[in-house]
Amino acid sequence: MSRLIRMDASGHSTLAEWSAADQAAFDAAVREFRDQLDEGYIGVLDHGDGQATQVRELPRDAELVIMRRPIAGG
């Protein structure tokens, strides 16, 4: 089962879950992913071992995609 989560004040919130075979659930996850991007969140694909890649589209086969706020700084 794939998951889309958002890092927030509670630690994290699950926004969507889908399987590769469930088109409706994936479509709902894509809509949620895009809504989060519109709210200013960044999507990152977790590779484990502290490695992640920023994504602009929700990968169907991803195990975990994390939405987080950009890091502030200059």
N, C-alpha and C. Protein backbone atom coordinates (compact mmCIF):
# COMPACT_ATOMS: atom_id res chain seq x y z
N MET A 1 0.85 -1.17 0.00
CA MET A 1 0.00 0.00 0.00
C MET A 1 0.89 1.24 0.00
N SER A 2 0.65 2.12 -0.92
CA SER A 2 1.39 3.38 -1.03
C SER A 2 0.70 4.44 -0.17
N ARG A 3 1.51 5.39 0.34
CA ARG A 3 0.94 6.44 1.20
C ARG A 3 1.47 7.81 0.81
N LEU A 4 0.59 8.80 0.93
CA LEU A 4 0.94 10.21 0.81
C LEU A 4 0.71 10.81 2.19
N ILE A 5 1.78 11.38 2.78
CA ILE A 5 1.65 11.97 4.10
C ILE A 5 2.12 13.43 4.06
N ARG A 6 1.67 14.20 5.05
CA ARG A 6 2.11 15.59 5.20
C ARG A 6 2.74 15.73 6.57
N MET A 7 3.95 16.28 6.61
CA MET A 7 4.60 16.60 7.87
C MET A 7 3.91 17.84 8.44
N ASP A 8 3.50 17.74 9.71
CA ASP A 8 2.80 18.86 10.33
C ASP A 8 3.05 18.87 11.83
N ALA A 9 2.33 19.70 12.54
CA ALA A 9 2.55 19.88 13.97
C ALA A 9 2.35 18.60 14.78
N SER A 10 1.54 17.68 14.27
CA SER A 10 1.30 16.43 14.99
C SER A 10 2.37 15.38 14.68
N GLY A 11 3.28 15.69 13.81
CA GLY A 11 4.29 14.74 13.33
C GLY A 11 4.05 14.49 11.86
N HIS A 12 2.95 13.78 11.56
CA HIS A 12 2.52 13.64 10.18
C HIS A 12 1.06 13.21 10.12
N SER A 13 0.43 13.55 9.01
CA SER A 13 -0.96 13.16 8.76
C SER A 13 -1.01 12.39 7.45
N THR A 14 -1.73 11.28 7.43
CA THR A 14 -1.90 10.53 6.19
C THR A 14 -2.97 11.23 5.36
N LEU A 15 -2.61 11.59 4.13
CA LEU A 15 -3.52 12.29 3.23
C LEU A 15 -4.22 11.33 2.27
N ALA A 16 -3.51 10.27 1.85
CA ALA A 16 -4.09 9.33 0.88
C ALA A 16 -3.32 8.02 0.93
N GLU A 17 -4.00 6.95 0.55
CA GLU A 17 -3.38 5.64 0.38
C GLU A 17 -3.93 5.04 -0.90
N TRP A 18 -3.10 4.29 -1.61
CA TRP A 18 -3.53 3.67 -2.86
C TRP A 18 -2.68 2.44 -3.15
N SER A 19 -3.20 1.60 -4.03
CA SER A 19 -2.44 0.48 -4.56
C SER A 19 -2.37 0.66 -6.07
N ALA A 20 -1.41 0.05 -6.69
CA ALA A 20 -1.22 0.21 -8.13
C ALA A 20 -2.46 -0.22 -8.91
N ALA A 21 -3.23 -1.16 -8.38
CA ALA A 21 -4.40 -1.69 -9.08
C ALA A 21 -5.66 -0.85 -8.87
N ASP A 22 -5.65 0.09 -7.93
CA ASP A 22 -6.84 0.86 -7.59
C ASP A 22 -6.76 2.26 -8.21
N GLN A 23 -7.28 2.38 -9.43
CA GLN A 23 -7.20 3.65 -10.17
C GLN A 23 -7.92 4.78 -9.45
N ALA A 24 -9.09 4.51 -8.88
CA ALA A 24 -9.85 5.56 -8.20
C ALA A 24 -9.08 6.11 -7.01
N ALA A 25 -8.48 5.24 -6.23
CA ALA A 25 -7.70 5.68 -5.06
C ALA A 25 -6.47 6.46 -5.51
N PHE A 26 -5.82 6.02 -6.59
CA PHE A 26 -4.65 6.75 -7.10
C PHE A 26 -5.07 8.13 -7.60
N ASP A 27 -6.19 8.21 -8.34
CA ASP A 27 -6.67 9.50 -8.83
C ASP A 27 -6.96 10.46 -7.68
N ALA A 28 -7.54 9.94 -6.59
CA ALA A 28 -7.81 10.78 -5.41
C ALA A 28 -6.49 11.24 -4.79
N ALA A 29 -5.50 10.36 -4.75
CA ALA A 29 -4.18 10.72 -4.20
C ALA A 29 -3.52 11.80 -5.05
N VAL A 30 -3.65 11.70 -6.37
CA VAL A 30 -3.09 12.72 -7.27
C VAL A 30 -3.75 14.08 -7.01
N ARG A 31 -5.06 14.09 -6.85
CA ARG A 31 -5.75 15.35 -6.56
C ARG A 31 -5.26 15.95 -5.25
N GLU A 32 -5.10 15.11 -4.22
CA GLU A 32 -4.60 15.59 -2.92
C GLU A 32 -3.17 16.10 -3.05
N PHE A 33 -2.34 15.39 -3.78
CA PHE A 33 -0.95 15.80 -4.01
C PHE A 33 -0.92 17.19 -4.65
N ARG A 34 -1.71 17.39 -5.68
CA ARG A 34 -1.74 18.68 -6.38
C ARG A 34 -2.28 19.79 -5.47
N ASP A 35 -3.30 19.47 -4.67
CA ASP A 35 -3.82 20.46 -3.72
C ASP A 35 -2.73 20.89 -2.74
N GLN A 36 -1.93 19.95 -2.27
CA GLN A 36 -0.85 20.26 -1.33
C GLN A 36 0.22 21.13 -2.01
N LEU A 37 0.54 20.83 -3.26
CA LEU A 37 1.49 21.68 -4.00
C LEU A 37 0.95 23.10 -4.11
N ASP A 38 -0.35 23.23 -4.40
CA ASP A 38 -0.98 24.55 -4.50
C ASP A 38 -0.93 25.31 -3.18
N GLU A 39 -0.89 24.58 -2.06
CA GLU A 39 -0.82 25.20 -0.73
C GLU A 39 0.61 25.56 -0.34
N GLY A 40 1.58 25.26 -1.21
CA GLY A 40 2.96 25.63 -0.94
C GLY A 40 3.83 24.51 -0.41
N TYR A 41 3.30 23.30 -0.31
CA TYR A 41 4.09 22.16 0.14
C TYR A 41 4.97 21.63 -1.00
N ILE A 42 6.03 20.94 -0.62
CA ILE A 42 6.94 20.29 -1.56
C ILE A 42 6.76 18.79 -1.39
N GLY A 43 6.69 18.06 -2.50
CA GLY A 43 6.58 16.61 -2.45
C GLY A 43 7.95 15.97 -2.56
N VAL A 44 8.25 15.03 -1.67
CA VAL A 44 9.52 14.30 -1.74
C VAL A 44 9.25 12.81 -1.71
N LEU A 45 9.97 12.10 -2.55
CA LEU A 45 9.90 10.65 -2.62
C LEU A 45 10.95 10.08 -1.70
N ASP A 46 10.51 9.33 -0.71
CA ASP A 46 11.42 8.77 0.29
C ASP A 46 12.09 7.52 -0.27
N HIS A 47 13.44 7.50 -0.25
CA HIS A 47 14.20 6.34 -0.72
C HIS A 47 14.75 5.52 0.45
N GLY A 48 14.48 5.96 1.69
CA GLY A 48 15.03 5.30 2.86
C GLY A 48 16.46 5.75 3.10
N ASP A 49 17.04 5.35 4.19
CA ASP A 49 18.42 5.70 4.54
C ASP A 49 18.69 7.20 4.48
N GLY A 50 17.66 8.02 4.77
CA GLY A 50 17.84 9.47 4.77
C GLY A 50 17.93 10.10 3.39
N GLN A 51 17.60 9.34 2.36
CA GLN A 51 17.66 9.84 0.99
C GLN A 51 16.25 10.13 0.47
N ALA A 52 16.09 11.25 -0.23
CA ALA A 52 14.80 11.63 -0.80
C ALA A 52 15.03 12.46 -2.06
N THR A 53 14.04 12.45 -2.94
CA THR A 53 14.08 13.22 -4.19
C THR A 53 12.81 14.03 -4.29
N GLN A 54 12.93 15.31 -4.64
CA GLN A 54 11.74 16.13 -4.84
C GLN A 54 11.00 15.65 -6.09
N VAL A 55 9.66 15.58 -6.00
CA VAL A 55 8.83 15.17 -7.13
C VAL A 55 7.75 16.21 -7.39
N ARG A 56 7.42 16.38 -8.65
CA ARG A 56 6.38 17.33 -9.04
C ARG A 56 5.11 16.61 -9.51
N GLU A 57 5.21 15.31 -9.70
CA GLU A 57 4.09 14.45 -10.04
C GLU A 57 4.11 13.28 -9.07
N LEU A 58 2.94 12.77 -8.71
CA LEU A 58 2.86 11.66 -7.78
C LEU A 58 3.19 10.35 -8.50
N PRO A 59 4.28 9.68 -8.11
CA PRO A 59 4.62 8.40 -8.74
C PRO A 59 3.67 7.29 -8.27
N ARG A 60 3.06 6.60 -9.21
CA ARG A 60 2.11 5.54 -8.88
C ARG A 60 2.75 4.44 -8.03
N ASP A 61 4.01 4.12 -8.32
CA ASP A 61 4.66 2.98 -7.67
C ASP A 61 5.44 3.36 -6.41
N ALA A 62 5.33 4.61 -5.97
CA ALA A 62 6.05 5.05 -4.76
C ALA A 62 5.47 4.39 -3.53
N GLU A 63 6.33 4.00 -2.61
CA GLU A 63 5.86 3.45 -1.34
C GLU A 63 5.42 4.57 -0.41
N LEU A 64 6.21 5.66 -0.38
CA LEU A 64 5.93 6.77 0.52
C LEU A 64 6.32 8.08 -0.14
N VAL A 65 5.37 9.02 -0.19
CA VAL A 65 5.63 10.38 -0.65
C VAL A 65 5.27 11.31 0.50
N ILE A 66 6.18 12.21 0.81
CA ILE A 66 6.03 13.11 1.96
C ILE A 66 5.85 14.53 1.45
N MET A 67 4.84 15.20 1.96
CA MET A 67 4.63 16.62 1.66
C MET A 67 5.19 17.41 2.85
N ARG A 68 6.00 18.41 2.55
CA ARG A 68 6.58 19.23 3.62
C ARG A 68 6.70 20.66 3.15
N ARG A 69 6.82 21.56 4.10
CA ARG A 69 7.01 22.98 3.79
C ARG A 69 8.45 23.19 3.36
N PRO A 70 8.69 24.17 2.49
CA PRO A 70 10.08 24.50 2.12
C PRO A 70 10.86 24.96 3.36
N ILE A 71 12.13 24.72 3.35
CA ILE A 71 13.00 25.15 4.45
C ILE A 71 13.24 26.64 4.29
N ALA A 72 13.02 27.40 5.35
CA ALA A 72 13.21 28.84 5.32
C ALA A 72 14.70 29.16 5.38
N GLY A 73 15.05 30.25 4.80
CA GLY A 73 16.44 30.69 4.85
C GLY A 73 16.76 31.57 3.67
N GLY A 74 17.98 31.98 3.57
CA GLY A 74 18.35 32.89 2.50
C GLY A 74 19.59 32.56 1.86
